[in-house]
Amino acid sequence: MEKHKIAPSVLAADFTRLGEEIDLVNQSEADWFHLDVMDGRFVPNITFGMFIIEAIHKMAQKPLDVHLMIVEPEKYIEAFRQVGAEVITVHYEACPHLHRTVHQIRETGAMAGVALNPHTPVQVLEDLIEDIDLVCLMSVNPGFGGQKFIYQTLSKIRKLREMIATANAPTLIEIDGGVGLQNAEALLQAGADVLVAGSSVFGAKDPKATIAALKAFERKFS
């Protein structure tokens, strides 16, 4: 079984030392950079857009996993791809024409991800799961970093893993929010493939050691 991926969330980095923080992740065992784009409309916070992502792309030596927490994401998919996004994730709750949006992402050559808010059941993706490269389960309410993990997420991971197996799809399960050393093993045993870690990495005394520890956990689900 392929090793799980660790995607440090840049939102939790020190933006006064962004170059150093990017270097730190480059030199670590992390697999992706996770970048949260928030518009102040879909979620109650505003973060950064293409300009910052383009700057990060110039420094990053690992793929950019771009999570669009925005309304009307279909208007910006090509632009995010052009500035370096290799995974583009949109929210189910923001896409009335999700099938079309997923295919729009895939046509750019990026991996297509769909995120679900904590209250959204995984069953809503049943008819589309074979077309989705990654499902991002929000394990906190989206909008702000540093929130407490919602433990109901473990049961959602197991249901989603079953759905993916039934469809014989290669879809990855990503967990975003409140992830750290205290729950990483439980998430991986439930069936997670990608762990997004923000505060638990960038707030650690030794971020590289924390990433290595997150990467060292084993997955045993069948």
N, C-alpha and C. Protein backbone atom coordinates (compact mmCIF):
# COMPACT_ATOMS: atom_id res chain seq x y z
N MET A 1 0.84 -1.19 0.00
CA MET A 1 0.00 0.00 0.00
C MET A 1 0.88 1.25 0.00
N GLU A 2 0.54 2.20 -0.87
CA GLU A 2 1.32 3.43 -0.97
C GLU A 2 1.24 4.24 0.32
N LYS A 3 2.34 4.88 0.66
CA LYS A 3 2.41 5.69 1.89
C LYS A 3 1.47 6.88 1.78
N HIS A 4 0.87 7.25 2.91
CA HIS A 4 0.00 8.42 2.94
C HIS A 4 0.80 9.70 2.71
N LYS A 5 0.09 10.75 2.31
CA LYS A 5 0.72 12.05 2.04
C LYS A 5 0.47 13.03 3.19
N ILE A 6 1.45 13.90 3.42
CA ILE A 6 1.30 14.98 4.40
C ILE A 6 1.35 16.30 3.63
N ALA A 7 0.36 17.15 3.87
CA ALA A 7 0.24 18.43 3.17
C ALA A 7 0.16 19.58 4.18
N PRO A 8 1.30 20.15 4.57
CA PRO A 8 1.27 21.28 5.51
C PRO A 8 0.45 22.46 4.94
N SER A 9 -0.41 23.02 5.78
CA SER A 9 -1.28 24.11 5.36
C SER A 9 -0.58 25.45 5.58
N VAL A 10 -0.27 26.12 4.47
CA VAL A 10 0.51 27.36 4.51
C VAL A 10 -0.21 28.47 5.26
N LEU A 11 -1.53 28.37 5.37
CA LEU A 11 -2.29 29.39 6.11
C LEU A 11 -1.77 29.56 7.54
N ALA A 12 -1.21 28.48 8.11
CA ALA A 12 -0.71 28.52 9.49
C ALA A 12 0.75 28.97 9.57
N ALA A 13 1.38 29.23 8.42
CA ALA A 13 2.79 29.65 8.41
C ALA A 13 2.92 31.09 8.88
N ASP A 14 4.14 31.49 9.18
CA ASP A 14 4.45 32.87 9.54
C ASP A 14 4.72 33.62 8.23
N PHE A 15 3.78 34.48 7.84
CA PHE A 15 3.87 35.15 6.54
C PHE A 15 4.95 36.23 6.52
N THR A 16 5.48 36.60 7.68
CA THR A 16 6.61 37.54 7.69
C THR A 16 7.91 36.81 7.34
N ARG A 17 7.86 35.47 7.35
CA ARG A 17 9.03 34.66 7.02
C ARG A 17 8.63 33.59 5.99
N LEU A 18 7.81 33.98 5.04
CA LEU A 18 7.20 32.98 4.15
C LEU A 18 8.23 32.19 3.37
N GLY A 19 9.29 32.85 2.88
CA GLY A 19 10.33 32.14 2.13
C GLY A 19 10.97 31.05 2.97
N GLU A 20 11.26 31.36 4.25
CA GLU A 20 11.87 30.37 5.15
C GLU A 20 10.91 29.21 5.42
N GLU A 21 9.63 29.54 5.59
CA GLU A 21 8.62 28.51 5.87
C GLU A 21 8.48 27.56 4.66
N ILE A 22 8.51 28.12 3.45
CA ILE A 22 8.44 27.29 2.24
C ILE A 22 9.67 26.39 2.15
N ASP A 23 10.85 26.96 2.44
CA ASP A 23 12.09 26.18 2.44
C ASP A 23 12.02 25.01 3.41
N LEU A 24 11.48 25.30 4.59
CA LEU A 24 11.34 24.28 5.64
C LEU A 24 10.52 23.09 5.12
N VAL A 25 9.40 23.39 4.45
CA VAL A 25 8.56 22.31 3.91
C VAL A 25 9.28 21.59 2.77
N ASN A 26 9.97 22.37 1.92
CA ASN A 26 10.76 21.76 0.82
C ASN A 26 11.74 20.73 1.36
N GLN A 27 12.37 21.04 2.48
CA GLN A 27 13.42 20.17 3.04
C GLN A 27 12.86 19.05 3.92
N SER A 28 11.57 19.06 4.15
CA SER A 28 10.95 18.07 5.05
C SER A 28 10.46 16.86 4.26
N GLU A 29 9.82 15.94 4.97
CA GLU A 29 9.23 14.75 4.33
C GLU A 29 7.81 14.99 3.81
N ALA A 30 7.36 16.25 3.87
CA ALA A 30 6.01 16.58 3.37
C ALA A 30 5.91 16.28 1.88
N ASP A 31 4.68 16.04 1.42
CA ASP A 31 4.45 15.68 0.01
C ASP A 31 3.89 16.84 -0.81
N TRP A 32 2.99 17.61 -0.22
CA TRP A 32 2.33 18.71 -0.91
C TRP A 32 2.35 19.96 -0.04
N PHE A 33 2.12 21.11 -0.67
CA PHE A 33 1.76 22.34 0.04
C PHE A 33 0.25 22.49 -0.08
N HIS A 34 -0.44 22.71 1.04
CA HIS A 34 -1.89 22.92 1.01
C HIS A 34 -2.16 24.42 1.14
N LEU A 35 -2.91 24.96 0.17
CA LEU A 35 -3.15 26.41 0.12
C LEU A 35 -4.65 26.69 0.15
N ASP A 36 -5.10 27.37 1.19
CA ASP A 36 -6.53 27.67 1.37
C ASP A 36 -6.85 29.05 0.81
N VAL A 37 -7.69 29.08 -0.22
CA VAL A 37 -8.14 30.34 -0.81
C VAL A 37 -9.55 30.61 -0.29
N MET A 38 -9.72 31.70 0.45
CA MET A 38 -11.03 32.05 1.04
C MET A 38 -11.45 33.44 0.57
N ASP A 39 -12.74 33.57 0.26
CA ASP A 39 -13.22 34.81 -0.37
C ASP A 39 -14.04 35.73 0.53
N GLY A 40 -14.27 35.35 1.79
CA GLY A 40 -15.09 36.17 2.67
C GLY A 40 -16.58 36.07 2.37
N ARG A 41 -16.95 35.23 1.42
CA ARG A 41 -18.37 35.03 1.08
C ARG A 41 -18.79 33.60 1.37
N PHE A 42 -18.07 32.63 0.78
CA PHE A 42 -18.40 31.23 1.07
C PHE A 42 -18.02 30.88 2.50
N VAL A 43 -16.92 31.46 2.97
CA VAL A 43 -16.50 31.29 4.38
C VAL A 43 -16.23 32.68 4.96
N PRO A 44 -16.34 32.82 6.28
CA PRO A 44 -16.21 34.16 6.90
C PRO A 44 -14.76 34.60 7.13
N ASN A 45 -13.93 34.48 6.08
CA ASN A 45 -12.54 34.89 6.21
C ASN A 45 -12.02 35.16 4.80
N ILE A 46 -10.99 35.99 4.69
CA ILE A 46 -10.35 36.25 3.40
C ILE A 46 -8.87 35.91 3.57
N THR A 47 -8.31 35.15 2.63
CA THR A 47 -6.91 34.77 2.77
C THR A 47 -6.09 35.36 1.62
N PHE A 48 -5.76 34.56 0.63
CA PHE A 48 -4.90 35.02 -0.47
C PHE A 48 -5.40 34.44 -1.77
N GLY A 49 -4.88 34.99 -2.88
CA GLY A 49 -5.32 34.51 -4.20
C GLY A 49 -4.15 34.14 -5.09
N MET A 50 -4.31 34.38 -6.38
CA MET A 50 -3.34 33.90 -7.38
C MET A 50 -1.94 34.49 -7.18
N PHE A 51 -1.89 35.76 -6.78
CA PHE A 51 -0.60 36.45 -6.66
C PHE A 51 0.32 35.74 -5.67
N ILE A 52 -0.21 35.39 -4.50
CA ILE A 52 0.57 34.69 -3.47
C ILE A 52 0.89 33.26 -3.92
N ILE A 53 -0.08 32.60 -4.53
CA ILE A 53 0.14 31.22 -4.97
C ILE A 53 1.23 31.17 -6.05
N GLU A 54 1.22 32.15 -6.93
CA GLU A 54 2.27 32.22 -7.96
C GLU A 54 3.65 32.39 -7.32
N ALA A 55 3.73 33.24 -6.28
CA ALA A 55 5.00 33.46 -5.58
C ALA A 55 5.46 32.18 -4.88
N ILE A 56 4.51 31.48 -4.22
CA ILE A 56 4.85 30.22 -3.54
C ILE A 56 5.32 29.17 -4.57
N HIS A 57 4.64 29.15 -5.71
CA HIS A 57 4.99 28.18 -6.75
C HIS A 57 6.44 28.34 -7.21
N LYS A 58 6.92 29.58 -7.24
CA LYS A 58 8.30 29.84 -7.67
C LYS A 58 9.31 29.26 -6.67
N MET A 59 8.91 29.17 -5.40
CA MET A 59 9.81 28.66 -4.35
C MET A 59 9.59 27.18 -4.05
N ALA A 60 8.38 26.70 -4.27
CA ALA A 60 8.00 25.34 -3.84
C ALA A 60 8.64 24.27 -4.71
N GLN A 61 9.08 23.20 -4.06
CA GLN A 61 9.64 22.05 -4.78
C GLN A 61 8.71 20.83 -4.69
N LYS A 62 7.50 21.08 -4.22
CA LYS A 62 6.50 20.02 -4.08
C LYS A 62 5.18 20.54 -4.68
N PRO A 63 4.26 19.64 -5.07
CA PRO A 63 3.02 20.08 -5.70
C PRO A 63 2.17 20.99 -4.80
N LEU A 64 1.43 21.91 -5.45
CA LEU A 64 0.53 22.81 -4.74
C LEU A 64 -0.89 22.24 -4.78
N ASP A 65 -1.44 22.02 -3.59
CA ASP A 65 -2.79 21.48 -3.38
C ASP A 65 -3.66 22.68 -3.00
N VAL A 66 -4.41 23.20 -3.98
CA VAL A 66 -5.15 24.46 -3.78
C VAL A 66 -6.62 24.18 -3.48
N HIS A 67 -7.06 24.64 -2.32
CA HIS A 67 -8.41 24.39 -1.80
C HIS A 67 -9.22 25.69 -1.93
N LEU A 68 -10.15 25.70 -2.88
CA LEU A 68 -10.94 26.91 -3.15
C LEU A 68 -12.19 26.94 -2.28
N MET A 69 -12.14 27.73 -1.21
CA MET A 69 -13.32 27.94 -0.36
C MET A 69 -13.98 29.24 -0.81
N ILE A 70 -14.49 29.18 -2.04
CA ILE A 70 -15.03 30.40 -2.66
C ILE A 70 -16.31 30.08 -3.41
N VAL A 71 -17.14 31.11 -3.62
CA VAL A 71 -18.32 30.95 -4.47
C VAL A 71 -17.87 31.06 -5.93
N GLU A 72 -18.63 30.45 -6.81
CA GLU A 72 -18.36 30.46 -8.25
C GLU A 72 -16.91 30.10 -8.60
N PRO A 73 -16.39 28.99 -8.07
CA PRO A 73 -14.99 28.64 -8.34
C PRO A 73 -14.71 28.40 -9.82
N GLU A 74 -15.76 28.03 -10.56
CA GLU A 74 -15.57 27.72 -11.98
C GLU A 74 -15.00 28.89 -12.77
N LYS A 75 -15.18 30.11 -12.25
CA LYS A 75 -14.66 31.31 -12.95
C LYS A 75 -13.14 31.43 -12.85
N TYR A 76 -12.53 30.72 -11.89
CA TYR A 76 -11.11 30.96 -11.59
C TYR A 76 -10.22 29.73 -11.76
N ILE A 77 -10.80 28.60 -12.17
CA ILE A 77 -10.04 27.34 -12.22
C ILE A 77 -8.83 27.44 -13.14
N GLU A 78 -9.04 27.95 -14.35
CA GLU A 78 -7.91 28.05 -15.30
C GLU A 78 -6.82 28.96 -14.74
N ALA A 79 -7.22 30.06 -14.10
CA ALA A 79 -6.24 31.01 -13.56
C ALA A 79 -5.41 30.36 -12.45
N PHE A 80 -6.04 29.59 -11.57
CA PHE A 80 -5.29 28.92 -10.50
C PHE A 80 -4.36 27.85 -11.08
N ARG A 81 -4.80 27.18 -12.11
CA ARG A 81 -3.94 26.19 -12.76
C ARG A 81 -2.70 26.88 -13.37
N GLN A 82 -2.93 28.03 -13.99
CA GLN A 82 -1.82 28.76 -14.64
C GLN A 82 -0.76 29.23 -13.65
N VAL A 83 -1.17 29.51 -12.39
CA VAL A 83 -0.17 29.97 -11.41
C VAL A 83 0.45 28.81 -10.63
N GLY A 84 0.12 27.57 -11.02
CA GLY A 84 0.86 26.44 -10.45
C GLY A 84 0.08 25.41 -9.66
N ALA A 85 -1.25 25.53 -9.56
CA ALA A 85 -2.02 24.53 -8.80
C ALA A 85 -1.98 23.18 -9.51
N GLU A 86 -1.60 22.14 -8.77
CA GLU A 86 -1.59 20.78 -9.35
C GLU A 86 -2.78 19.95 -8.87
N VAL A 87 -3.33 20.34 -7.72
CA VAL A 87 -4.59 19.77 -7.23
C VAL A 87 -5.51 20.97 -7.01
N ILE A 88 -6.71 20.93 -7.57
CA ILE A 88 -7.67 22.03 -7.37
C ILE A 88 -8.93 21.42 -6.77
N THR A 89 -9.27 21.87 -5.57
CA THR A 89 -10.43 21.34 -4.85
C THR A 89 -11.49 22.42 -4.71
N VAL A 90 -12.73 22.08 -5.10
CA VAL A 90 -13.87 22.99 -4.96
C VAL A 90 -14.83 22.39 -3.95
N HIS A 91 -15.71 23.22 -3.42
CA HIS A 91 -16.69 22.73 -2.44
C HIS A 91 -17.96 22.26 -3.12
N TYR A 92 -18.42 21.08 -2.71
CA TYR A 92 -19.72 20.57 -3.16
C TYR A 92 -20.79 21.63 -2.92
N GLU A 93 -20.73 22.29 -1.77
CA GLU A 93 -21.77 23.24 -1.37
C GLU A 93 -21.76 24.51 -2.22
N ALA A 94 -20.66 24.75 -2.97
CA ALA A 94 -20.53 25.97 -3.77
C ALA A 94 -20.75 25.71 -5.26
N CYS A 95 -21.02 24.46 -5.64
CA CYS A 95 -21.06 24.09 -7.06
C CYS A 95 -22.40 23.46 -7.45
N PRO A 96 -23.32 24.25 -7.99
CA PRO A 96 -24.60 23.66 -8.41
C PRO A 96 -24.44 22.71 -9.60
N HIS A 97 -23.35 22.89 -10.38
CA HIS A 97 -23.08 22.02 -11.54
C HIS A 97 -21.75 21.31 -11.31
N LEU A 98 -21.73 20.48 -10.27
CA LEU A 98 -20.47 19.89 -9.81
C LEU A 98 -19.81 19.02 -10.87
N HIS A 99 -20.60 18.22 -11.58
CA HIS A 99 -20.04 17.33 -12.61
C HIS A 99 -19.26 18.16 -13.63
N ARG A 100 -19.86 19.24 -14.09
CA ARG A 100 -19.22 20.11 -15.08
C ARG A 100 -17.93 20.72 -14.51
N THR A 101 -17.98 21.16 -13.25
CA THR A 101 -16.82 21.81 -12.62
C THR A 101 -15.66 20.82 -12.45
N VAL A 102 -15.98 19.60 -12.02
CA VAL A 102 -14.96 18.57 -11.86
C VAL A 102 -14.26 18.31 -13.20
N HIS A 103 -15.04 18.22 -14.27
CA HIS A 103 -14.45 17.96 -15.58
C HIS A 103 -13.67 19.18 -16.09
N GLN A 104 -14.12 20.37 -15.73
CA GLN A 104 -13.38 21.59 -16.08
C GLN A 104 -11.98 21.56 -15.44
N ILE A 105 -11.91 21.12 -14.18
CA ILE A 105 -10.61 21.02 -13.50
C ILE A 105 -9.72 20.00 -14.21
N ARG A 106 -10.29 18.84 -14.49
CA ARG A 106 -9.49 17.76 -15.11
C ARG A 106 -8.99 18.16 -16.50
N GLU A 107 -9.78 18.96 -17.21
CA GLU A 107 -9.37 19.40 -18.55
C GLU A 107 -8.14 20.31 -18.50
N THR A 108 -7.89 20.95 -17.36
CA THR A 108 -6.70 21.80 -17.24
C THR A 108 -5.45 20.96 -16.99
N GLY A 109 -5.64 19.66 -16.66
CA GLY A 109 -4.51 18.79 -16.34
C GLY A 109 -4.26 18.67 -14.85
N ALA A 110 -5.03 19.40 -14.03
CA ALA A 110 -4.90 19.31 -12.57
C ALA A 110 -5.73 18.13 -12.06
N MET A 111 -5.38 17.65 -10.86
CA MET A 111 -6.23 16.67 -10.17
C MET A 111 -7.47 17.41 -9.66
N ALA A 112 -8.63 16.77 -9.77
CA ALA A 112 -9.89 17.40 -9.36
C ALA A 112 -10.30 16.91 -7.98
N GLY A 113 -10.44 17.85 -7.06
CA GLY A 113 -10.87 17.53 -5.70
C GLY A 113 -12.23 18.14 -5.40
N VAL A 114 -12.99 17.48 -4.53
CA VAL A 114 -14.26 18.01 -4.04
C VAL A 114 -14.22 17.98 -2.52
N ALA A 115 -14.49 19.12 -1.89
CA ALA A 115 -14.50 19.21 -0.43
C ALA A 115 -15.94 19.16 0.08
N LEU A 116 -16.10 18.53 1.25
CA LEU A 116 -17.41 18.46 1.92
C LEU A 116 -17.31 19.11 3.29
N ASN A 117 -18.23 20.02 3.59
CA ASN A 117 -18.30 20.61 4.93
C ASN A 117 -18.73 19.55 5.95
N PRO A 118 -18.49 19.81 7.25
CA PRO A 118 -18.79 18.78 8.26
C PRO A 118 -20.23 18.26 8.23
N HIS A 119 -21.19 19.11 7.86
CA HIS A 119 -22.60 18.66 7.90
C HIS A 119 -23.04 17.92 6.64
N THR A 120 -22.18 17.87 5.60
CA THR A 120 -22.57 17.27 4.32
C THR A 120 -22.22 15.79 4.30
N PRO A 121 -23.21 14.91 4.06
CA PRO A 121 -22.92 13.46 4.04
C PRO A 121 -22.14 13.05 2.80
N VAL A 122 -21.29 12.04 2.93
CA VAL A 122 -20.45 11.61 1.80
C VAL A 122 -21.29 11.03 0.66
N GLN A 123 -22.52 10.57 0.97
CA GLN A 123 -23.36 9.93 -0.04
C GLN A 123 -23.68 10.87 -1.21
N VAL A 124 -23.56 12.19 -1.01
CA VAL A 124 -23.89 13.13 -2.10
C VAL A 124 -22.93 12.97 -3.29
N LEU A 125 -21.80 12.31 -3.07
CA LEU A 125 -20.80 12.15 -4.14
C LEU A 125 -20.88 10.79 -4.83
N GLU A 126 -21.86 9.97 -4.43
CA GLU A 126 -21.92 8.58 -4.92
C GLU A 126 -21.94 8.49 -6.44
N ASP A 127 -22.70 9.37 -7.10
CA ASP A 127 -22.85 9.28 -8.56
C ASP A 127 -21.67 9.89 -9.31
N LEU A 128 -20.75 10.49 -8.60
CA LEU A 128 -19.65 11.21 -9.25
C LEU A 128 -18.27 10.71 -8.82
N ILE A 129 -18.24 9.76 -7.88
CA ILE A 129 -16.98 9.38 -7.22
C ILE A 129 -15.91 8.92 -8.21
N GLU A 130 -16.31 8.27 -9.30
CA GLU A 130 -15.32 7.77 -10.27
C GLU A 130 -14.63 8.91 -11.04
N ASP A 131 -15.24 10.08 -11.06
CA ASP A 131 -14.67 11.24 -11.77
C ASP A 131 -13.81 12.12 -10.86
N ILE A 132 -13.83 11.86 -9.56
CA ILE A 132 -13.14 12.73 -8.59
C ILE A 132 -11.80 12.10 -8.21
N ASP A 133 -10.73 12.89 -8.28
CA ASP A 133 -9.40 12.38 -7.91
C ASP A 133 -9.18 12.41 -6.40
N LEU A 134 -9.84 13.33 -5.72
CA LEU A 134 -9.62 13.52 -4.28
C LEU A 134 -10.89 14.06 -3.63
N VAL A 135 -11.25 13.52 -2.48
CA VAL A 135 -12.33 14.09 -1.67
C VAL A 135 -11.71 14.63 -0.39
N CYS A 136 -11.95 15.90 -0.14
CA CYS A 136 -11.43 16.56 1.06
C CYS A 136 -12.56 16.66 2.09
N LEU A 137 -12.42 15.91 3.17
CA LEU A 137 -13.42 15.99 4.25
C LEU A 137 -12.98 17.06 5.24
N MET A 138 -13.82 18.08 5.41
CA MET A 138 -13.52 19.11 6.39
C MET A 138 -13.83 18.56 7.78
N SER A 139 -12.81 18.55 8.62
CA SER A 139 -12.98 18.03 9.98
C SER A 139 -13.06 19.16 11.00
N VAL A 140 -13.20 20.39 10.48
CA VAL A 140 -13.60 21.57 11.26
C VAL A 140 -14.51 22.38 10.35
N ASN A 141 -15.20 23.38 10.88
CA ASN A 141 -15.99 24.25 10.02
C ASN A 141 -15.03 25.17 9.28
N PRO A 142 -15.15 25.25 7.95
CA PRO A 142 -14.15 25.98 7.17
C PRO A 142 -14.16 27.48 7.45
N GLY A 143 -12.99 28.09 7.36
CA GLY A 143 -12.89 29.53 7.52
C GLY A 143 -11.70 29.98 8.34
N PHE A 144 -11.35 29.21 9.36
CA PHE A 144 -10.25 29.63 10.24
C PHE A 144 -9.41 28.42 10.64
N GLY A 145 -8.10 28.65 10.82
CA GLY A 145 -7.22 27.58 11.29
C GLY A 145 -7.30 27.44 12.80
N GLY A 146 -6.68 26.38 13.31
CA GLY A 146 -6.55 26.20 14.76
C GLY A 146 -7.80 25.73 15.48
N GLN A 147 -8.80 25.22 14.74
CA GLN A 147 -10.04 24.77 15.39
C GLN A 147 -9.94 23.33 15.87
N LYS A 148 -10.90 22.95 16.74
CA LYS A 148 -10.93 21.59 17.27
C LYS A 148 -11.50 20.61 16.24
N PHE A 149 -10.86 19.46 16.20
CA PHE A 149 -11.24 18.38 15.29
C PHE A 149 -12.63 17.83 15.63
N ILE A 150 -13.45 17.59 14.60
CA ILE A 150 -14.79 17.01 14.77
C ILE A 150 -14.67 15.49 14.60
N TYR A 151 -14.89 14.73 15.67
CA TYR A 151 -14.60 13.29 15.64
C TYR A 151 -15.57 12.46 14.79
N GLN A 152 -16.72 13.03 14.45
CA GLN A 152 -17.65 12.34 13.55
C GLN A 152 -17.00 12.08 12.18
N THR A 153 -15.92 12.82 11.90
CA THR A 153 -15.19 12.66 10.63
C THR A 153 -14.70 11.23 10.44
N LEU A 154 -14.34 10.53 11.53
CA LEU A 154 -13.84 9.15 11.40
C LEU A 154 -14.87 8.24 10.75
N SER A 155 -16.12 8.39 11.14
CA SER A 155 -17.18 7.57 10.56
C SER A 155 -17.41 7.95 9.10
N LYS A 156 -17.25 9.25 8.77
CA LYS A 156 -17.40 9.69 7.38
C LYS A 156 -16.28 9.10 6.50
N ILE A 157 -15.08 9.02 7.05
CA ILE A 157 -13.96 8.45 6.29
C ILE A 157 -14.27 6.99 5.95
N ARG A 158 -14.76 6.23 6.94
CA ARG A 158 -15.04 4.81 6.71
C ARG A 158 -16.12 4.62 5.65
N LYS A 159 -17.18 5.47 5.71
CA LYS A 159 -18.26 5.38 4.71
C LYS A 159 -17.73 5.73 3.32
N LEU A 160 -16.91 6.76 3.25
CA LEU A 160 -16.35 7.19 1.97
C LEU A 160 -15.40 6.13 1.41
N ARG A 161 -14.59 5.52 2.26
CA ARG A 161 -13.66 4.47 1.83
C ARG A 161 -14.44 3.30 1.22
N GLU A 162 -15.57 2.97 1.84
CA GLU A 162 -16.43 1.88 1.34
C GLU A 162 -16.99 2.24 -0.05
N MET A 163 -17.44 3.50 -0.17
CA MET A 163 -18.02 3.97 -1.44
C MET A 163 -16.97 3.92 -2.56
N ILE A 164 -15.75 4.33 -2.25
CA ILE A 164 -14.66 4.34 -3.23
C ILE A 164 -14.32 2.90 -3.65
N ALA A 165 -14.29 1.99 -2.66
CA ALA A 165 -13.98 0.58 -2.94
C ALA A 165 -15.06 -0.05 -3.82
N THR A 166 -16.32 0.26 -3.52
CA THR A 166 -17.45 -0.28 -4.30
C THR A 166 -17.36 0.16 -5.76
N ALA A 167 -16.97 1.42 -5.97
CA ALA A 167 -16.84 1.96 -7.33
C ALA A 167 -15.52 1.57 -7.98
N ASN A 168 -14.63 0.94 -7.19
CA ASN A 168 -13.29 0.60 -7.66
C ASN A 168 -12.58 1.84 -8.23
N ALA A 169 -12.74 2.96 -7.53
CA ALA A 169 -12.16 4.23 -7.97
C ALA A 169 -10.82 4.47 -7.28
N PRO A 170 -9.93 5.23 -7.91
CA PRO A 170 -8.63 5.52 -7.30
C PRO A 170 -8.63 6.78 -6.43
N THR A 171 -9.81 7.27 -6.09
CA THR A 171 -9.97 8.53 -5.36
C THR A 171 -9.24 8.55 -4.02
N LEU A 172 -8.53 9.63 -3.76
CA LEU A 172 -7.84 9.82 -2.48
C LEU A 172 -8.78 10.51 -1.48
N ILE A 173 -8.60 10.18 -0.19
CA ILE A 173 -9.36 10.86 0.88
C ILE A 173 -8.41 11.77 1.64
N GLU A 174 -8.73 13.06 1.63
CA GLU A 174 -7.92 14.05 2.33
C GLU A 174 -8.70 14.57 3.54
N ILE A 175 -8.00 14.78 4.66
CA ILE A 175 -8.64 15.30 5.87
C ILE A 175 -8.03 16.66 6.18
N ASP A 176 -8.91 17.64 6.38
CA ASP A 176 -8.47 19.02 6.56
C ASP A 176 -9.13 19.64 7.79
N GLY A 177 -8.31 19.92 8.81
CA GLY A 177 -8.81 20.64 9.99
C GLY A 177 -8.56 19.91 11.29
N GLY A 178 -7.77 20.53 12.16
CA GLY A 178 -7.55 19.95 13.49
C GLY A 178 -6.73 18.68 13.49
N VAL A 179 -5.94 18.47 12.41
CA VAL A 179 -5.14 17.24 12.29
C VAL A 179 -3.79 17.44 12.98
N GLY A 180 -3.38 16.44 13.77
CA GLY A 180 -2.08 16.50 14.43
C GLY A 180 -1.66 15.12 14.88
N LEU A 181 -0.61 15.06 15.67
CA LEU A 181 -0.08 13.77 16.14
C LEU A 181 -1.10 13.02 17.00
N GLN A 182 -2.03 13.77 17.63
CA GLN A 182 -2.99 13.14 18.54
C GLN A 182 -4.06 12.33 17.81
N ASN A 183 -4.32 12.62 16.52
CA ASN A 183 -5.39 11.89 15.82
C ASN A 183 -4.98 11.32 14.46
N ALA A 184 -3.74 11.56 14.05
CA ALA A 184 -3.30 11.12 12.71
C ALA A 184 -3.46 9.61 12.52
N GLU A 185 -3.07 8.84 13.52
CA GLU A 185 -3.12 7.38 13.37
C GLU A 185 -4.56 6.91 13.20
N ALA A 186 -5.48 7.46 13.99
CA ALA A 186 -6.90 7.07 13.89
C ALA A 186 -7.45 7.42 12.50
N LEU A 187 -7.05 8.56 11.96
CA LEU A 187 -7.52 8.98 10.64
C LEU A 187 -7.00 8.03 9.55
N LEU A 188 -5.74 7.65 9.67
CA LEU A 188 -5.15 6.75 8.68
C LEU A 188 -5.76 5.35 8.77
N GLN A 189 -6.03 4.88 9.98
CA GLN A 189 -6.65 3.54 10.15
C GLN A 189 -8.07 3.54 9.59
N ALA A 190 -8.75 4.69 9.67
CA ALA A 190 -10.12 4.77 9.14
C ALA A 190 -10.12 4.77 7.62
N GLY A 191 -8.97 5.20 7.01
CA GLY A 191 -8.90 5.15 5.54
C GLY A 191 -8.42 6.41 4.86
N ALA A 192 -7.89 7.37 5.62
CA ALA A 192 -7.40 8.61 5.01
C ALA A 192 -6.13 8.37 4.21
N ASP A 193 -5.95 9.16 3.14
CA ASP A 193 -4.74 9.07 2.30
C ASP A 193 -3.86 10.31 2.43
N VAL A 194 -4.48 11.46 2.68
CA VAL A 194 -3.75 12.73 2.73
C VAL A 194 -4.15 13.48 4.00
N LEU A 195 -3.17 13.87 4.80
CA LEU A 195 -3.44 14.64 6.02
C LEU A 195 -2.96 16.07 5.83
N VAL A 196 -3.90 17.01 5.96
CA VAL A 196 -3.55 18.44 5.93
C VAL A 196 -3.29 18.86 7.37
N ALA A 197 -2.11 19.40 7.63
CA ALA A 197 -1.75 19.81 8.99
C ALA A 197 -1.23 21.24 8.95
N GLY A 198 -1.89 22.12 9.70
CA GLY A 198 -1.50 23.53 9.72
C GLY A 198 -0.82 23.93 11.00
N SER A 199 -1.64 24.28 12.00
CA SER A 199 -1.11 24.72 13.29
C SER A 199 -0.21 23.68 13.93
N SER A 200 -0.55 22.39 13.75
CA SER A 200 0.23 21.33 14.40
C SER A 200 1.64 21.22 13.82
N VAL A 201 1.83 21.70 12.59
CA VAL A 201 3.17 21.71 11.97
C VAL A 201 3.86 23.04 12.23
N PHE A 202 3.25 24.13 11.76
CA PHE A 202 3.92 25.43 11.83
C PHE A 202 3.98 26.00 13.25
N GLY A 203 3.13 25.48 14.14
CA GLY A 203 3.17 25.91 15.54
C GLY A 203 4.08 25.05 16.40
N ALA A 204 4.66 24.01 15.80
CA ALA A 204 5.52 23.07 16.56
C ALA A 204 6.91 23.66 16.77
N LYS A 205 7.58 23.21 17.85
CA LYS A 205 8.96 23.65 18.11
C LYS A 205 9.87 23.20 16.98
N ASP A 206 9.61 22.00 16.48
CA ASP A 206 10.41 21.45 15.39
C ASP A 206 9.46 20.96 14.29
N PRO A 207 9.07 21.85 13.35
CA PRO A 207 8.10 21.47 12.32
C PRO A 207 8.53 20.28 11.48
N LYS A 208 9.82 20.22 11.12
CA LYS A 208 10.29 19.11 10.28
C LYS A 208 10.14 17.76 11.00
N ALA A 209 10.44 17.75 12.30
CA ALA A 209 10.29 16.52 13.09
C ALA A 209 8.82 16.13 13.19
N THR A 210 7.95 17.13 13.31
CA THR A 210 6.50 16.85 13.39
C THR A 210 6.01 16.25 12.08
N ILE A 211 6.46 16.81 10.95
CA ILE A 211 6.08 16.25 9.64
C ILE A 211 6.59 14.81 9.52
N ALA A 212 7.83 14.56 9.96
CA ALA A 212 8.40 13.21 9.90
C ALA A 212 7.59 12.25 10.76
N ALA A 213 7.14 12.71 11.94
CA ALA A 213 6.34 11.87 12.84
C ALA A 213 4.98 11.56 12.22
N LEU A 214 4.36 12.56 11.56
CA LEU A 214 3.07 12.35 10.88
C LEU A 214 3.23 11.36 9.73
N LYS A 215 4.36 11.45 9.07
CA LYS A 215 4.63 10.57 7.93
C LYS A 215 4.95 9.14 8.38
N ALA A 216 5.45 9.00 9.60
CA ALA A 216 5.90 7.69 10.10
C ALA A 216 4.75 6.74 10.48
N PHE A 217 3.55 7.29 10.73
CA PHE A 217 2.43 6.41 11.09
C PHE A 217 2.16 5.42 9.96
N GLU A 218 1.68 4.23 10.35
CA GLU A 218 1.37 3.20 9.36
C GLU A 218 -0.15 3.12 9.16
N ARG A 219 -0.53 2.77 7.93
CA ARG A 219 -1.95 2.51 7.65
C ARG A 219 -2.18 1.01 7.62
N LYS A 220 -3.25 0.56 8.25
CA LYS A 220 -3.50 -0.89 8.27
C LYS A 220 -4.88 -1.27 7.72
N PHE A 221 -5.63 -0.27 7.24
CA PHE A 221 -6.96 -0.64 6.73
C PHE A 221 -6.80 -1.46 5.46
N SER A 222 -7.81 -2.33 5.19
CA SER A 222 -7.69 -3.21 4.02
C SER A 222 -8.48 -2.64 2.85
